[in-house]
C-alpha atoms as a PDB file:
ATOM      1  CA  MET A   1      -6.456  30.014 103.886  1.00  0.00           C
ATOM      2  CA  SER A   2      -3.491  27.751 103.110  1.00  0.00           C
ATOM      3  CA  CYS A   3      -1.122  26.795 105.903  1.00  0.00           C
ATOM      4  CA  ALA A   4       1.725  24.381 106.489  1.00  0.00           C
ATOM      5  CA  PRO A   5       0.889  20.737 107.278  1.00  0.00           C
ATOM      6  CA  SER A   6       0.981  19.896 110.981  1.00  0.00           C
ATOM      7  CA  ALA A   7       3.875  18.019 112.560  1.00  0.00           C
ATOM      8  CA  GLU A   8       1.696  14.901 112.671  1.00  0.00           C
ATOM      9  CA  GLU A   9       0.861  15.227 108.965  1.00  0.00           C
ATOM     10  CA  GLN A  10       4.550  15.632 108.099  1.00  0.00           C
ATOM     11  CA  LEU A  11       5.452  12.557 110.151  1.00  0.00           C
ATOM     12  CA  ASP A  12       2.704  10.595 108.411  1.00  0.00           C
ATOM     13  CA  PHE A  13       4.126  11.675 105.054  1.00  0.00           C
ATOM     14  CA  LEU A  14       7.604  10.460 106.009  1.00  0.00           C
ATOM     15  CA  THR A  15       6.202   7.164 107.245  1.00  0.00           C
ATOM     16  CA  LYS A  16       4.497   6.612 103.890  1.00  0.00           C
ATOM     17  CA  ILE A  17       7.661   7.584 101.991  1.00  0.00           C
ATOM     18  CA  GLN A  18       9.532   4.988 104.038  1.00  0.00           C
ATOM     19  CA  ARG A  19       6.896   2.384 103.183  1.00  0.00           C
ATOM     20  CA  LEU A  20       7.213   3.274  99.521  1.00  0.00           C
ATOM     21  CA  PHE A  21      10.973   2.651  99.543  1.00  0.00           C
ATOM     22  CA  ASN A  22      10.701  -0.527 101.602  1.00  0.00           C
ATOM     23  CA  GLU A  23       7.564  -2.177 100.248  1.00  0.00           C
ATOM     24  CA  SER A  24       7.283  -1.137  96.594  1.00  0.00           C
ATOM     25  CA  ASP A  25       8.298  -3.347  93.697  1.00  0.00           C
ATOM     26  CA  PHE A  26      11.250  -1.660  92.008  1.00  0.00           C
ATOM     27  CA  SER A  27      11.741  -3.443  88.679  1.00  0.00           C
ATOM     28  CA  SER A  28      13.509  -0.420  87.152  1.00  0.00           C
ATOM     29  CA  THR A  29      15.008   2.897  88.250  1.00  0.00           C
ATOM     30  CA  TYR A  30      11.999   4.886  86.995  1.00  0.00           C
ATOM     31  CA  LYS A  31      10.344   5.228  90.413  1.00  0.00           C
ATOM     32  CA  TYR A  32      13.522   6.673  91.910  1.00  0.00           C
ATOM     33  CA  ALA A  33      13.696   9.163  89.044  1.00  0.00           C
ATOM     34  CA  LEU A  34      10.048  10.110  89.573  1.00  0.00           C
ATOM     35  CA  LEU A  35      10.557  10.776  93.291  1.00  0.00           C
ATOM     36  CA  ILE A  36      13.586  12.947  92.561  1.00  0.00           C
ATOM     37  CA  SER A  37      11.697  14.796  89.823  1.00  0.00           C
ATOM     38  CA  LEU A  38       8.680  15.479  92.034  1.00  0.00           C
ATOM     39  CA  ALA A  39      10.880  16.789  94.844  1.00  0.00           C
ATOM     40  CA  ASP A  40      12.823  19.048  92.469  1.00  0.00           C
ATOM     41  CA  LEU A  41       9.690  20.421  90.810  1.00  0.00           C
ATOM     42  CA  ALA A  42       8.068  21.035  94.193  1.00  0.00           C
ATOM     43  CA  ILE A  43      11.041  23.229  95.114  1.00  0.00           C
ATOM     44  CA  GLU A  44      10.977  25.103  91.830  1.00  0.00           C
ATOM     45  CA  LEU A  45       7.212  25.533  91.500  1.00  0.00           C
ATOM     46  CA  GLY A  46       5.641  24.834  94.897  1.00  0.00           C
ATOM     47  CA  LYS A  47       4.944  26.906  97.986  1.00  0.00           C
ATOM     48  CA  ASP A  48       5.545  26.463 101.693  1.00  0.00           C
ATOM     49  CA  ASP A  49       1.911  25.768 102.449  1.00  0.00           C
ATOM     50  CA  ASP A  50      -0.533  22.906 101.971  1.00  0.00           C
ATOM     51  CA  SER A  51      -1.710  23.997  98.518  1.00  0.00           C
ATOM     52  CA  LEU A  52      -2.086  21.589  95.611  1.00  0.00           C
ATOM     53  CA  LEU A  53       0.444  21.573  92.786  1.00  0.00           C
ATOM     54  CA  LYS A  54      -0.322  20.537  89.209  1.00  0.00           C
ATOM     55  CA  LEU A  55       2.556  19.066  87.197  1.00  0.00           C
ATOM     56  CA  SER A  56       2.232  18.082  83.559  1.00  0.00           C
ATOM     57  CA  ASN A  57       3.601  14.791  82.283  1.00  0.00           C
ATOM     58  CA  ARG A  58       5.814  16.809  79.948  1.00  0.00           C
ATOM     59  CA  GLN A  59       7.346  18.769  82.835  1.00  0.00           C
ATOM     60  CA  ILE A  60       8.176  15.499  84.550  1.00  0.00           C
ATOM     61  CA  ALA A  61       9.464  14.019  81.275  1.00  0.00           C
ATOM     62  CA  GLU A  62      11.893  16.907  80.802  1.00  0.00           C
ATOM     63  CA  ARG A  63      13.306  16.255  84.259  1.00  0.00           C
ATOM     64  CA  PHE A  64      13.635  12.554  83.378  1.00  0.00           C
ATOM     65  CA  ILE A  65      15.598  13.487  80.254  1.00  0.00           C
ATOM     66  CA  GLU A  66      17.977  15.573  82.352  1.00  0.00           C
ATOM     67  CA  LEU A  67      18.394  12.799  84.936  1.00  0.00           C
ATOM     68  CA  TYR A  68      18.994  10.044  82.387  1.00  0.00           C
ATOM     69  CA  TRP A  69      20.958  12.047  79.808  1.00  0.00           C
ATOM     70  CA  GLN A  70      24.401  11.150  81.116  1.00  0.00           C
ATOM     71  CA  GLN A  71      23.304   7.609  81.945  1.00  0.00           C
ATOM     72  CA  ALA A  72      22.289   7.018  78.323  1.00  0.00           C
ATOM     73  CA  ALA A  73      25.961   7.291  77.360  1.00  0.00           C
ATOM     74  CA  PRO A  74      28.436   4.399  77.617  1.00  0.00           C
ATOM     75  CA  TYR A  75      29.790   3.843  81.103  1.00  0.00           C
ATOM     76  CA  LYS A  76      33.238   2.958  79.759  1.00  0.00           C
ATOM     77  CA  ASP A  77      35.249   4.719  77.085  1.00  0.00           C
ATOM     78  CA  SER A  78      35.016   1.710  74.824  1.00  0.00           C
ATOM     79  CA  GLY A  79      32.806   2.873  72.021  1.00  0.00           C
ATOM     80  CA  SER A  80      29.083   3.529  71.890  1.00  0.00           C
ATOM     81  CA  ASN A  81      27.651   0.029  71.524  1.00  0.00           C
ATOM     82  CA  GLU A  82      24.637  -0.956  73.596  1.00  0.00           C
ATOM     83  CA  SER A  83      26.592  -3.370  75.808  1.00  0.00           C
ATOM     84  CA  THR A  84      28.455  -0.539  77.530  1.00  0.00           C
ATOM     85  CA  ILE A  85      25.308   1.369  78.526  1.00  0.00           C
ATOM     86  CA  LEU A  86      24.163   0.470  82.030  1.00  0.00           C
ATOM     87  CA  PHE A  87      20.897  -1.421  82.308  1.00  0.00           C
ATOM     88  CA  GLN A  88      18.203   0.442  84.242  1.00  0.00           C
ATOM     89  CA  ASN A  89      15.691  -2.382  84.653  1.00  0.00           C
ATOM     90  CA  ASN A  90      15.470  -6.138  85.104  1.00  0.00           C
ATOM     91  CA  GLY A  91      14.454  -6.874  81.526  1.00  0.00           C
ATOM     92  CA  THR A  92      15.659  -5.408  78.256  1.00  0.00           C
ATOM     93  CA  GLN A  93      17.107  -1.920  78.250  1.00  0.00           C
ATOM     94  CA  ALA A  94      14.744   0.738  79.610  1.00  0.00           C
ATOM     95  CA  ALA A  95      12.655   2.522  76.979  1.00  0.00           C
ATOM     96  CA  ILE A  96      13.693   5.988  78.170  1.00  0.00           C
ATOM     97  CA  ILE A  97      17.379   5.097  77.930  1.00  0.00           C
ATOM     98  CA  LYS A  98      16.786   3.790  74.399  1.00  0.00           C
ATOM     99  CA  ALA A  99      14.905   6.943  73.386  1.00  0.00           C
ATOM    100  CA  ILE A 100      17.577   9.300  74.748  1.00  0.00           C
ATOM    101  CA  ASN A 101      20.409   7.231  73.286  1.00  0.00           C
ATOM    102  CA  GLU A 102      18.746   7.257  69.856  1.00  0.00           C
ATOM    103  CA  PHE A 103      18.219  11.016  70.134  1.00  0.00           C
ATOM    104  CA  ARG A 104      21.881  11.533  71.096  1.00  0.00           C
ATOM    105  CA  GLN A 105      23.033   9.550  68.077  1.00  0.00           C
ATOM    106  CA  GLN A 106      20.776  11.373  65.630  1.00  0.00           C
ATOM    107  CA  ASN A 107      21.232  14.930  66.929  1.00  0.00           C
ATOM    108  CA  ASN A 108      24.379  16.914  67.597  1.00  0.00           C
ATOM    109  CA  CYS A 109      23.663  17.743  71.254  1.00  0.00           C
ATOM    110  CA  ASN A 110      26.250  17.370  74.012  1.00  0.00           C
ATOM    111  CA  SER A 111      23.859  18.018  76.900  1.00  0.00           C
ATOM    112  CA  SER A 112      20.196  17.939  77.851  1.00  0.00           C
ATOM    113  CA  GLN A 113      20.338  21.735  77.830  1.00  0.00           C
ATOM    114  CA  ALA A 114      21.530  21.779  74.217  1.00  0.00           C
ATOM    115  CA  ALA A 115      18.919  19.160  73.313  1.00  0.00           C
ATOM    116  CA  ARG A 116      16.161  21.658  74.052  1.00  0.00           C
ATOM    117  CA  GLY A 117      17.200  23.623  70.983  1.00  0.00           C
ATOM    118  CA  SER A 118      16.814  20.655  68.640  1.00  0.00           C
ATOM    119  CA  LYS A 119      13.802  20.445  66.351  1.00  0.00           C
ATOM    120  CA  ASN A 120      13.392  16.821  67.466  1.00  0.00           C
ATOM    121  CA  TYR A 121      13.336  17.603  71.189  1.00  0.00           C
ATOM    122  CA  LYS A 122       9.545  17.860  71.447  1.00  0.00           C
ATOM    123  CA  LYS A 123       9.244  14.408  69.929  1.00  0.00           C
ATOM    124  CA  LEU A 124      11.651  13.046  72.533  1.00  0.00           C
ATOM    125  CA  VAL A 125       9.675  14.690  75.349  1.00  0.00           C
ATOM    126  CA  THR A 126       6.445  13.214  73.983  1.00  0.00           C
ATOM    127  CA  ALA A 127       7.930   9.704  73.924  1.00  0.00           C
ATOM    128  CA  VAL A 128       9.389   9.996  77.432  1.00  0.00           C
ATOM    129  CA  ALA A 129       6.158  11.512  78.790  1.00  0.00           C
ATOM    130  CA  ALA A 130       4.177   8.558  77.442  1.00  0.00           C
ATOM    131  CA  THR A 131       6.510   6.092  79.171  1.00  0.00           C
ATOM    132  CA  VAL A 132       6.472   8.076  82.422  1.00  0.00           C
ATOM    133  CA  ALA A 133       2.655   8.159  82.464  1.00  0.00           C
ATOM    134  CA  LYS A 134       2.321   4.462  81.644  1.00  0.00           C
ATOM    135  CA  GLN A 135       4.885   3.185  84.121  1.00  0.00           C
ATOM    136  CA  PRO A 136       6.204   5.102  87.167  1.00  0.00           C
ATOM    137  CA  ILE A 137       3.269   7.510  87.511  1.00  0.00           C
ATOM    138  CA  ASN A 138       0.876   4.592  87.199  1.00  0.00           C
ATOM    139  CA  TYR A 139       2.680   2.314  89.662  1.00  0.00           C
ATOM    140  CA  LEU A 140       4.631   4.483  92.137  1.00  0.00           C
ATOM    141  CA  GLN A 141       1.843   4.486  94.727  1.00  0.00           C
ATOM    142  CA  ASN A 142       1.437   0.685  94.678  1.00  0.00           C
ATOM    143  CA  VAL A 143       2.839  -0.301  98.064  1.00  0.00           C
ATOM    144  CA  GLY A 144       2.908  -3.679  99.815  1.00  0.00           C
ATOM    145  CA  GLY A 145       0.525  -5.350  97.401  1.00  0.00           C
ATOM    146  CA  GLY A 146      -2.029  -2.547  97.671  1.00  0.00           C
ATOM    147  CA  ASN A 147      -2.496   1.078  96.695  1.00  0.00           C
ATOM    148  CA  LEU A 148      -1.363   3.998  98.860  1.00  0.00           C
ATOM    149  CA  PRO A 149      -2.428   7.116  96.938  1.00  0.00           C
ATOM    150  CA  PHE A 150      -0.882   9.728  99.238  1.00  0.00           C
ATOM    151  CA  LEU A 151       1.242  11.668  96.724  1.00  0.00           C
ATOM    152  CA  TYR A 152      -0.924  12.634  93.757  1.00  0.00           C
ATOM    153  CA  GLU A 153      -4.028  12.150  91.673  1.00  0.00           C
ATOM    154  CA  ARG A 154      -3.605  11.181  88.034  1.00  0.00           C
ATOM    155  CA  ASN A 155      -5.055  12.885  84.974  1.00  0.00           C
ATOM    156  CA  PRO A 156      -4.514  11.946  81.299  1.00  0.00           C
ATOM    157  CA  SER A 157      -1.716  14.494  80.801  1.00  0.00           C
ATOM    158  CA  SER A 158      -0.783  15.579  84.315  1.00  0.00           C
ATOM    159  CA  ILE A 159      -0.792  14.796  88.014  1.00  0.00           C
ATOM    160  CA  ILE A 160      -1.926  16.927  90.949  1.00  0.00           C
ATOM    161  CA  LEU A 161       0.138  16.718  94.115  1.00  0.00           C
ATOM    162  CA  LYS A 162      -2.279  16.366  97.008  1.00  0.00           C
ATOM    163  CA  LYS A 163      -2.787  18.784  99.859  1.00  0.00           C
ATOM    164  CA  GLY A 164       0.452  19.263 101.782  1.00  0.00           C
ATOM    165  CA  VAL A 165       2.535  17.007  99.513  1.00  0.00           C
ATOM    166  CA  ALA A 166       4.428  19.815  97.737  1.00  0.00           C
ATOM    167  CA  TYR A 167       5.279  21.301 101.133  1.00  0.00           C
ATOM    168  CA  CYS A 168       6.557  17.965 102.455  1.00  0.00           C
ATOM    169  CA  LEU A 169       8.557  17.305  99.296  1.00  0.00           C
ATOM    170  CA  ARG A 170      10.175  20.719  99.724  1.00  0.00           C
ATOM    171  CA  ARG A 171      10.724  20.162 103.432  1.00  0.00           C
ATOM    172  CA  PHE A 172      12.270  16.694 103.077  1.00  0.00           C
ATOM    173  CA  GLN A 173      13.863  16.973  99.639  1.00  0.00           C
ATOM    174  CA  PRO A 174      17.453  16.295 100.826  1.00  0.00           C
ATOM    175  CA  LEU A 175      16.354  13.079 102.550  1.00  0.00           C
ATOM    176  CA  ILE A 176      14.268  11.902  99.588  1.00  0.00           C
ATOM    177  CA  GLN A 177      17.099  12.708  97.170  1.00  0.00           C
ATOM    178  CA  GLN A 178      19.634  10.835  99.278  1.00  0.00           C
ATOM    179  CA  LEU A 179      17.440   7.760  99.621  1.00  0.00           C
ATOM    180  CA  ALA A 180      16.440   7.698  95.950  1.00  0.00           C
ATOM    181  CA  ARG A 181      19.984   8.129  94.636  1.00  0.00           C
ATOM    182  CA  SER A 182      21.410   5.564  97.037  1.00  0.00           C
ATOM    183  CA  ARG A 183      18.753   2.973  96.102  1.00  0.00           C
ATOM    184  CA  TRP A 184      19.176   3.853  92.410  1.00  0.00           C
ATOM    185  CA  THR A 185      22.920   3.167  92.589  1.00  0.00           C
ATOM    186  CA  ASP A 186      22.369  -0.096  94.487  1.00  0.00           C
ATOM    187  CA  PHE A 187      19.766  -1.219  91.937  1.00  0.00           C
ATOM    188  CA  ILE A 188      22.223  -0.800  89.067  1.00  0.00           C
ATOM    189  CA  LYS A 189      25.012  -2.531  91.002  1.00  0.00           C
ATOM    190  CA  LYS A 190      22.807  -5.539  91.751  1.00  0.00           C
ATOM    191  CA  ASN A 191      21.611  -5.966  88.161  1.00  0.00           C
ATOM    192  CA  THR A 192      23.580  -8.974  86.896  1.00  0.00           C
ATOM    193  CA  LYS A 193      23.632  -7.532  83.367  1.00  0.00           C
ATOM    194  CA  ASN A 194      25.702  -4.605  84.649  1.00  0.00           C
ATOM    195  CA  ILE A 195      28.430  -6.678  86.339  1.00  0.00           C
ATOM    196  CA  PRO A 196      30.625  -7.038  83.207  1.00  0.00           C
ATOM    197  CA  ILE A 197      30.086  -3.346  82.420  1.00  0.00           C
ATOM    198  CA  LEU A 198      30.976  -2.066  85.888  1.00  0.00           C
ATOM    199  CA  GLY A 199      34.067  -4.215  86.306  1.00  0.00           C
ATOM    200  CA  GLU A 200      36.316  -3.255  89.218  1.00  0.00           C
ATOM    201  CA  LYS A 201      35.745   0.489  89.022  1.00  0.00           C
ATOM    202  CA  ASP A 202      34.073   2.151  91.991  1.00  0.00           C
ATOM    203  CA  ASP A 203      32.875   5.436  90.501  1.00  0.00           C
ATOM    204  CA  LEU A 204      29.286   4.487  89.702  1.00  0.00           C
ATOM    205  CA  ASN A 205      27.613   7.140  91.861  1.00  0.00           C
ATOM    206  CA  SER A 206      29.812   9.840  90.339  1.00  0.00           C
ATOM    207  CA  PHE A 207      28.976   8.671  86.816  1.00  0.00           C
ATOM    208  CA  LEU A 208      25.243   8.554  87.513  1.00  0.00           C
ATOM    209  CA  PHE A 209      24.774  11.854  89.303  1.00  0.00           C
ATOM    210  CA  GLU A 210      27.852  14.086  89.388  1.00  0.00           C
ATOM    211  CA  THR A 211      29.509  16.445  86.955  1.00  0.00           C
ATOM    212  CA  SER A 212      32.742  15.146  85.426  1.00  0.00           C
ATOM    213  CA  ARG A 213      36.137  16.709  86.166  1.00  0.00           C
ATOM    214  CA  LYS A 214      36.443  17.636  82.507  1.00  0.00           C
ATOM    215  CA  THR A 215      33.182  19.580  82.688  1.00  0.00           C
ATOM    216  CA  LEU A 216      34.191  21.315  85.941  1.00  0.00           C
ATOM    217  CA  ALA A 217      37.469  22.353  84.307  1.00  0.00           C
ATOM    218  CA  LEU A 218      35.495  24.053  81.517  1.00  0.00           C
ATOM    219  CA  VAL A 219      33.251  25.731  84.104  1.00  0.00           C
ATOM    220  CA  CYS A 220      36.301  26.939  86.017  1.00  0.00           C
ATOM    221  CA  LYS A 221      37.901  28.352  82.874  1.00  0.00           C
ATOM    222  CA  GLY A 222      34.712  30.160  81.889  1.00  0.00           C
ATOM    223  CA  LEU A 223      34.153  31.694  85.331  1.00  0.00           C
ATOM    224  CA  LYS A 224      37.765  32.872  85.451  1.00  0.00           C
ATOM    225  CA  GLU A 225      37.242  34.662  82.147  1.00  0.00           C
ATOM    226  CA  LEU A 226      34.089  36.264  83.522  1.00  0.00           C
ATOM    227  CA  TYR A 227      35.082  37.006  87.110  1.00  0.00           C
ATOM    228  CA  GLY A 228      38.888  36.901  87.098  1.00  0.00           C
ATOM    229  CA  ASN A 229      41.233  34.815  89.222  1.00  0.00           C
ATOM    230  CA  LYS A 230      39.519  35.787  92.465  1.00  0.00           C
ATOM    231  CA  CYS A 231      37.737  33.818  95.148  1.00  0.00           C
ATOM    232  CA  PHE A 232      34.038  34.623  95.161  1.00  0.00           C
ATOM    233  CA  TYR A 233      33.932  34.645  98.973  1.00  0.00           C
ATOM    234  CA  CYS A 234      37.101  36.436 100.153  1.00  0.00           C
ATOM    235  CA  ASN A 235      37.693  38.321  96.867  1.00  0.00           C
ATOM    236  CA  LYS A 236      41.418  37.528  97.026  1.00  0.00           C
ATOM    237  CA  SER A 237      43.420  36.507  93.987  1.00  0.00           C
ATOM    238  CA  SER A 238      44.421  32.873  93.867  1.00  0.00           C
ATOM    239  CA  SER A 239      46.220  30.664  91.357  1.00  0.00           C
ATOM    240  CA  GLU A 240      44.361  27.584  92.588  1.00  0.00           C
ATOM    241  CA  LEU A 241      40.638  28.245  92.382  1.00  0.00           C
ATOM    242  CA  GLU A 242      38.053  25.479  92.742  1.00  0.00           C
ATOM    243  CA  VAL A 243      34.466  25.246  91.509  1.00  0.00           C
ATOM    244  CA  ASP A 244      32.060  25.451  94.453  1.00  0.00           C
ATOM    245  CA  HIS A 245      28.307  24.902  94.676  1.00  0.00           C
ATOM    246  CA  PHE A 246      26.905  28.100  96.198  1.00  0.00           C
ATOM    247  CA  ILE A 247      23.875  26.117  97.368  1.00  0.00           C
ATOM    248  CA  PRO A 248      25.730  23.036  98.672  1.00  0.00           C
ATOM    249  CA  PHE A 249      25.437  19.855  96.618  1.00  0.00           C
ATOM    250  CA  SER A 250      24.604  17.986  99.833  1.00  0.00           C
ATOM    251  CA  LEU A 251      21.494  20.162 100.211  1.00  0.00           C
ATOM    252  CA  TYR A 252      20.435  20.202  96.567  1.00  0.00           C
ATOM    253  CA  PRO A 253      22.325  17.547  94.563  1.00  0.00           C
ATOM    254  CA  ARG A 254      21.841  18.893  91.081  1.00  0.00           C
ATOM    255  CA  ASP A 255      24.341  20.828  88.990  1.00  0.00           C
ATOM    256  CA  LEU A 256      23.089  24.121  87.567  1.00  0.00           C
ATOM    257  CA  MET A 257      25.456  26.623  85.987  1.00  0.00           C
ATOM    258  CA  HIS A 258      24.172  29.648  87.922  1.00  0.00           C
ATOM    259  CA  ASN A 259      24.908  27.835  91.195  1.00  0.00           C
ATOM    260  CA  PHE A 260      28.631  27.538  90.445  1.00  0.00           C
ATOM    261  CA  VAL A 261      31.151  30.033  91.833  1.00  0.00           C
ATOM    262  CA  LEU A 262      34.940  29.979  92.179  1.00  0.00           C
ATOM    263  CA  ALA A 263      36.491  29.608  95.627  1.00  0.00           C
ATOM    264  CA  CYS A 264      40.024  29.415  96.955  1.00  0.00           C
ATOM    265  CA  SER A 265      40.847  26.156  98.695  1.00  0.00           C
ATOM    266  CA  LYS A 266      40.772  27.782 102.149  1.00  0.00           C
ATOM    267  CA  CYS A 267      37.275  29.217 101.714  1.00  0.00           C
ATOM    268  CA  ASN A 268      36.010  26.075  99.982  1.00  0.00           C
ATOM    269  CA  ARG A 269      37.145  23.838 102.846  1.00  0.00           C
ATOM    270  CA  SER A 270      35.866  26.223 105.508  1.00  0.00           C
ATOM    271  CA  LYS A 271      32.455  26.782 103.918  1.00  0.00           C
ATOM    272  CA  SER A 272      32.096  23.064 103.174  1.00  0.00           C
ATOM    273  CA  ASP A 273      28.381  22.110 103.182  1.00  0.00           C
ATOM    274  CA  THR A 274      27.080  25.282 104.856  1.00  0.00           C
ATOM    275  CA  LEU A 275      25.182  28.164 103.314  1.00  0.00           C
ATOM    276  CA  GLY A 276      26.871  31.530 102.908  1.00  0.00           C
ATOM    277  CA  ALA A 277      26.056  34.546 105.081  1.00  0.00           C
ATOM    278  CA  LYS A 278      23.957  37.460 103.878  1.00  0.00           C
ATOM    279  CA  ILE A 279      26.952  39.253 102.338  1.00  0.00           C
ATOM    280  CA  HIS A 280      27.632  36.228 100.154  1.00  0.00           C
ATOM    281  CA  PHE A 281      23.963  35.662  99.318  1.00  0.00           C
ATOM    282  CA  ASP A 282      23.467  39.269  98.214  1.00  0.00           C
ATOM    283  CA  ARG A 283      26.641  39.203  96.112  1.00  0.00           C
ATOM    284  CA  TRP A 284      25.625  35.911  94.496  1.00  0.00           C
ATOM    285  CA  VAL A 285      22.151  37.197  93.575  1.00  0.00           C
ATOM    286  CA  LYS A 286      23.624  40.374  92.092  1.00  0.00           C
ATOM    287  CA  PHE A 287      26.396  38.546  90.232  1.00  0.00           C
ATOM    288  CA  THR A 288      24.184  35.839  88.704  1.00  0.00           C
ATOM    289  CA  THR A 289      21.436  38.306  87.774  1.00  0.00           C
ATOM    290  CA  ASN A 290      23.785  40.814  86.139  1.00  0.00           C
ATOM    291  CA  ASN A 291      25.775  38.135  84.314  1.00  0.00           C
ATOM    292  CA  SER A 292      23.015  35.620  83.608  1.00  0.00           C
ATOM    293  CA  GLU A 293      23.508  35.477  79.833  1.00  0.00           C
ATOM    294  CA  ALA A 294      27.288  35.124  80.099  1.00  0.00           C
ATOM    295  CA  ILE A 295      26.914  32.390  82.721  1.00  0.00           C
ATOM    296  CA  SER A 296      24.456  30.533  80.488  1.00  0.00           C
ATOM    297  CA  LYS A 297      26.968  30.648  77.621  1.00  0.00           C
ATOM    298  CA  ILE A 298      29.608  29.077  79.880  1.00  0.00           C
ATOM    299  CA  GLY A 299      27.058  26.384  80.647  1.00  0.00           C
ATOM    300  CA  GLU A 300      26.469  25.770  76.942  1.00  0.00           C
ATOM    301  CA  ARG A 301      30.191  25.292  76.313  1.00  0.00           C
ATOM    302  CA  ALA A 302      30.582  23.022  79.342  1.00  0.00           C
ATOM    303  CA  ALA A 303      27.310  21.109  78.756  1.00  0.00           C
ATOM    304  CA  VAL A 304      25.809  22.181  82.087  1.00  0.00           C
ATOM    305  CA  SER A 305      22.145  23.123  82.446  1.00  0.00           C
ATOM    306  CA  SER A 306      21.463  26.754  83.290  1.00  0.00           C
ATOM    307  CA  ASN A 307      18.338  28.586  84.387  1.00  0.00           C
ATOM    308  CA  LEU A 308      18.539  31.738  86.503  1.00  0.00           C
ATOM    309  CA  GLU A 309      14.900  31.654  87.622  1.00  0.00           C
ATOM    310  CA  ILE A 310      15.162  28.065  88.839  1.00  0.00           C
ATOM    311  CA  SER A 311      18.497  28.719  90.567  1.00  0.00           C
ATOM    312  CA  LEU A 312      17.025  31.691  92.445  1.00  0.00           C
ATOM    313  CA  ALA A 313      13.985  29.619  93.473  1.00  0.00           C
ATOM    314  CA  ILE A 314      16.266  26.856  94.768  1.00  0.00           C
ATOM    315  CA  ALA A 315      18.348  29.386  96.715  1.00  0.00           C
ATOM    316  CA  LYS A 316      15.242  30.902  98.289  1.00  0.00           C
ATOM    317  CA  TRP A 317      14.037  27.437  99.278  1.00  0.00           C
ATOM    318  CA  GLY A 318      17.424  26.467 100.728  1.00  0.00           C
ATOM    319  CA  TYR A 319      17.815  29.612 102.803  1.00  0.00           C
ATOM    320  CA  GLU A 320      14.239  29.515 104.101  1.00  0.00           C
ATOM    321  CA  LEU A 321      14.686  25.866 105.081  1.00  0.00           C
ATOM    322  CA  ALA A 322      17.933  26.649 106.906  1.00  0.00           C
ATOM    323  CA  ILE A 323      16.481  29.695 108.659  1.00  0.00           C
ATOM    324  CA  ASN A 324      13.484  27.692 109.856  1.00  0.00           C
ATOM    325  CA  ASN A 325      15.917  25.090 111.222  1.00  0.00           C
ATOM    326  CA  ASN A 326      17.879  27.820 113.058  1.00  0.00           C
ATOM    327  CA  VAL A 327      21.214  26.993 111.424  1.00  0.00           C
ATOM    328  CA  ASN A 328      24.285  29.230 111.305  1.00  0.00           C
ATOM    329  CA  PHE A 329      25.407  30.861 108.067  1.00  0.00           C
ATOM    330  CA  TRP A 330      29.073  30.946 107.069  1.00  0.00           C
ATOM    331  CA  ILE A 331      30.887  34.298 106.878  1.00  0.00           C
ATOM    332  CA  ASN A 332      34.503  33.101 106.774  1.00  0.00           C
ATOM    333  CA  SER A 333      36.729  30.638 108.600  1.00  0.00           C
ATOM    334  CA  GLY A 334      35.434  30.287 112.159  1.00  0.00           C
ATOM    335  CA  HIS A 335      32.785  33.001 111.823  1.00  0.00           C
ATOM    336  CA  TYR A 336      29.032  32.520 111.360  1.00  0.00           C
ATOM    337  CA  GLU A 337      25.828  34.514 111.710  1.00  0.00           C
ATOM    338  CA  LYS A 338      22.119  33.986 112.187  1.00  0.00           C
ATOM    339  CA  LEU A 339      19.681  35.190 109.556  1.00  0.00           C
ATOM    340  CA  ASN A 340      15.969  35.827 109.381  1.00  0.00           C
ATOM    341  CA  ILE A 341      13.776  35.744 106.328  1.00  0.00           C
ATOM    342  CA  SER A 342      12.679  39.365 106.578  1.00  0.00           C
ATOM    343  CA  ASN A 343      16.176  40.840 106.223  1.00  0.00           C
ATOM    344  CA  LEU A 344      17.275  38.338 103.574  1.00  0.00           C
ATOM    345  CA  PHE A 345      14.400  38.547 101.080  1.00  0.00           C
ATOM    346  CA  ARG A 346      13.536  42.209 100.776  1.00  0.00           C
END
């Protein structure tokens, strides 16, 4: 019978993750991308027990394409020459960046979501999967001059997350994401080849990992057409609606179209980084399920990835994590409630 790893096993996992960040040789950003990808896939496909989880190289490659898609574009609005694309390793430009950039130039796709519909997408996935298998999967568990194989076992076309690893990745995903993204940003800043590209601007983290204001404006317009000029939370009309992450970005820092709702400034500030109460959760599930196709079309126009099944899995993970940590759930300004899993997931 599968069960959750013990407190000691979870602490041991965190200790090894810390060693990985501190003692590994990071000659590119690939290892950071792999850690983020494994944590995301564990949330989407894993369970809250100590069971194994098999992930194909192609599944991981598709997540790499999504992570690097925006970063394969020029950092500055100064044309599309190679010199304006940020360097992701200490040598020549990273192979995955080159592959995605070439794909972007040869195919009329404005997002990784749109790329999936291209006849050449499978070829891109194959190329990225080969690089992922040869490099970060092969070397991620090399720590301090030795090998620390605590995360997974390798196969020719897949990896198998070891007993308890998927659970720990799910449990500590926010921490792993924060560490990986912070180190990723620092790596790019410290690369001397990027200094003339970065200049004096201080928006690197936003460029690497966040949705642009232009994209959010398109999302806002589309949701207004679908839902009207009303706040999702208080249901009051407002002329100044803002795009809000229903599952807070601080908890799960990845933009998915089904996770976006419109909120008035008062509700958005009050809710902040908390999870909504049961009334909001139930309304969100009903709204996204009933309008899934329309929401996906907004995502296509705005170049934002959309997947209802994944968004629901992320929400379930986030709420279960919060309930297990005994947090309060936001109703409205100054009002919160406790939830339990049995009355939330029925």
